[in-house]
Protein backbone atom coordinates (compact mmCIF):
# COMPACT_ATOMS: atom_id res chain seq x y z
CA MET A 1 -26.86 -14.67 4.74
CA THR A 2 -24.73 -13.79 7.76
CA PRO A 3 -21.02 -13.22 7.03
CA THR A 4 -18.59 -15.58 8.73
CA ALA A 5 -15.73 -14.10 10.70
CA ILE A 6 -12.41 -15.88 11.04
CA ALA A 7 -10.07 -14.90 13.85
CA ILE A 8 -6.65 -16.11 14.89
CA PRO A 9 -6.09 -15.87 18.64
CA PHE A 10 -3.35 -13.45 19.58
CA HIS A 11 -1.36 -16.13 21.44
CA ALA A 12 -1.41 -18.32 18.29
CA ALA A 13 -0.12 -15.44 16.19
CA LEU A 14 2.76 -14.98 18.63
CA GLU A 15 3.91 -18.55 17.98
CA CYS A 16 5.13 -17.40 14.57
CA SER A 17 8.93 -17.73 14.70
CA SER A 18 9.48 -14.30 13.14
CA MET A 19 7.67 -12.49 15.95
CA SER A 20 8.87 -11.69 19.41
CA THR A 21 7.71 -14.14 22.09
CA ASP A 22 6.87 -11.16 24.30
CA THR A 23 3.23 -10.08 24.05
CA THR A 24 4.31 -6.51 23.33
CA PRO A 25 5.32 -5.89 19.70
CA THR A 26 8.72 -4.33 19.14
CA ASP A 27 8.83 -0.85 17.62
CA ALA A 28 10.02 -2.40 14.35
CA GLU A 29 7.07 -4.83 14.32
CA ALA A 30 4.62 -2.02 15.07
CA ALA A 31 6.17 0.16 12.33
CA CYS A 32 5.85 -2.69 9.81
CA PHE A 33 2.24 -3.22 10.86
CA GLU A 34 1.54 0.50 10.37
CA ALA A 35 3.07 0.34 6.88
CA GLY A 36 0.85 -2.61 6.00
CA ILE A 37 -2.23 -0.72 7.14
CA LYS A 38 -1.28 2.22 4.95
CA PHE A 39 -0.78 0.01 1.88
CA GLY A 40 -4.06 -1.82 2.45
CA SER A 41 -5.86 1.49 2.78
CA LEU A 42 -4.22 3.00 -0.29
CA TYR A 43 -4.77 0.04 -2.55
CA HIS A 44 -8.30 -0.89 -1.56
CA GLN A 45 -9.57 2.65 -1.19
CA PHE A 46 -8.53 3.69 -4.69
CA ALA A 47 -8.71 0.48 -6.75
CA GLY A 48 -11.44 0.89 -9.34
CA THR A 49 -11.24 4.69 -9.43
CA PRO A 50 -11.75 6.00 -12.97
CA VAL A 51 -8.41 7.28 -14.30
CA SER A 52 -7.12 8.74 -17.53
CA PRO A 53 -3.77 10.21 -18.56
CA ASP A 54 -5.21 13.69 -17.86
CA THR A 55 -6.43 12.84 -14.35
CA ALA A 56 -3.53 10.59 -13.32
CA PRO A 57 -1.38 13.35 -11.73
CA SER A 58 -4.20 14.73 -9.58
CA LEU A 59 -5.27 11.22 -8.57
CA ALA A 60 -1.69 10.38 -7.55
CA THR A 61 -1.54 13.55 -5.45
CA ALA A 62 -4.91 12.82 -3.82
CA MET A 63 -3.81 9.27 -2.99
CA ALA A 64 -0.56 10.42 -1.42
CA ASP A 65 -2.22 13.24 0.52
CA ALA A 66 -4.96 10.94 1.85
CA ILE A 67 -2.56 8.27 3.11
CA GLU A 68 -0.18 10.85 4.61
CA ASN A 69 -3.03 11.87 6.93
CA GLN A 70 -2.71 8.55 8.77
CA PRO A 71 -0.72 8.29 12.01
CA HIS A 72 3.04 7.66 11.79
CA CYS A 73 3.12 8.27 8.04
CA ARG A 74 6.17 10.32 7.15
CA GLU A 75 5.98 10.32 3.35
CA VAL A 76 3.99 8.79 0.50
CA THR A 77 5.01 8.88 -3.14
CA VAL A 78 2.51 7.70 -5.75
CA ASP A 79 3.39 7.50 -9.43
CA VAL A 80 0.78 6.47 -11.97
CA ARG A 81 2.53 4.62 -14.78
CA THR A 82 1.10 6.70 -17.63
CA ASP A 83 2.87 4.62 -20.28
CA GLU A 84 1.02 1.53 -19.05
CA LEU A 85 -2.20 3.52 -18.74
CA GLU A 86 -1.93 4.84 -22.30
CA ALA A 87 -1.20 1.34 -23.62
CA ALA A 88 -4.34 0.01 -21.92
CA LEU A 89 -6.42 2.84 -23.33
CA ALA A 90 -5.08 2.28 -26.84
CA GLU A 91 -6.92 -1.06 -26.79
CA SER A 92 -10.16 0.48 -25.46
CA ALA A 93 -13.00 2.54 -26.88
CA ALA A 94 -13.18 4.57 -23.64
CA ASP A 95 -11.07 7.59 -22.66
CA TYR A 96 -10.45 6.22 -19.17
CA THR A 97 -10.04 2.94 -17.33
CA GLU A 98 -10.20 1.79 -13.74
CA LEU A 99 -7.17 2.10 -11.51
CA THR A 100 -5.43 -1.19 -10.70
CA GLY A 101 -2.06 -2.05 -9.22
CA ARG A 102 -0.47 -2.44 -12.65
CA PHE A 103 -0.69 1.32 -13.11
CA LEU A 104 0.96 2.23 -9.78
CA GLU A 105 4.37 2.59 -8.23
CA VAL A 106 4.16 3.58 -4.57
CA GLU A 107 6.60 4.20 -1.75
CA ILE A 108 5.42 4.66 1.82
CA VAL A 109 7.71 5.70 4.68
CA VAL A 110 6.49 5.14 8.24
CA ASP A 111 8.17 6.57 11.33
CA TYR A 112 7.04 4.85 14.53
CA GLU A 113 8.92 5.61 17.77
CA ASP A 114 12.08 6.48 15.78
CA CYS A 115 11.88 3.26 13.77
CA VAL A 116 11.69 4.13 10.07
CA VAL A 117 10.19 1.60 7.68
CA VAL A 118 10.35 2.01 3.91
CA THR A 119 7.88 0.01 1.83
CA ARG A 120 7.30 -0.12 -1.90
CA MET A 121 4.77 -1.42 -4.38
CA GLU A 122 5.67 -2.00 -8.00
CA MET A 123 4.94 -4.52 -10.69
CA GLU A 124 6.91 -7.74 -10.53
CA ASP A 125 6.17 -10.60 -12.92
CA GLY A 126 2.77 -9.10 -13.76
CA TYR A 127 1.72 -8.64 -10.11
CA PRO A 128 1.63 -5.45 -8.00
CA LEU A 129 3.97 -6.63 -5.27
CA MET A 130 4.05 -4.76 -1.95
CA ARG A 131 7.24 -5.33 -0.04
CA LEU A 132 9.32 -4.13 2.87
CA GLU A 133 12.44 -2.36 1.61
CA SER A 134 14.14 -1.47 4.90
CA VAL A 135 13.73 -1.11 8.64
CA ARG A 136 15.99 1.39 10.41
CA GLU A 137 16.03 1.89 14.16
């Protein structure tokens, strides 16, 4: 079976009222895009990784170090919520579980052309919500 690709033409995307009508993204828009790329990479690269309370600190460091390699990334802070991890393991026969968003709190700071974007992921109403905290030019 051949996968189906869905694409939105660039001109249609520009019709969104929150975007500039110019075809060139602003520095703030580009910085926000970069932050989204970093979060997508972080979450989808590491989701499912085996994690335990003993390996959580080194996994958090590896995640932060990996994402900080990407362009325009100023700082990444990853905290594995060990209290939540230990609670999940208390209900399990295994000594580890797979990493999901409920075990993470993440902050990513992107600096693109002197526009600094701060983004955060943390649990909100049972969902790992990724959001834009601030944009400073």
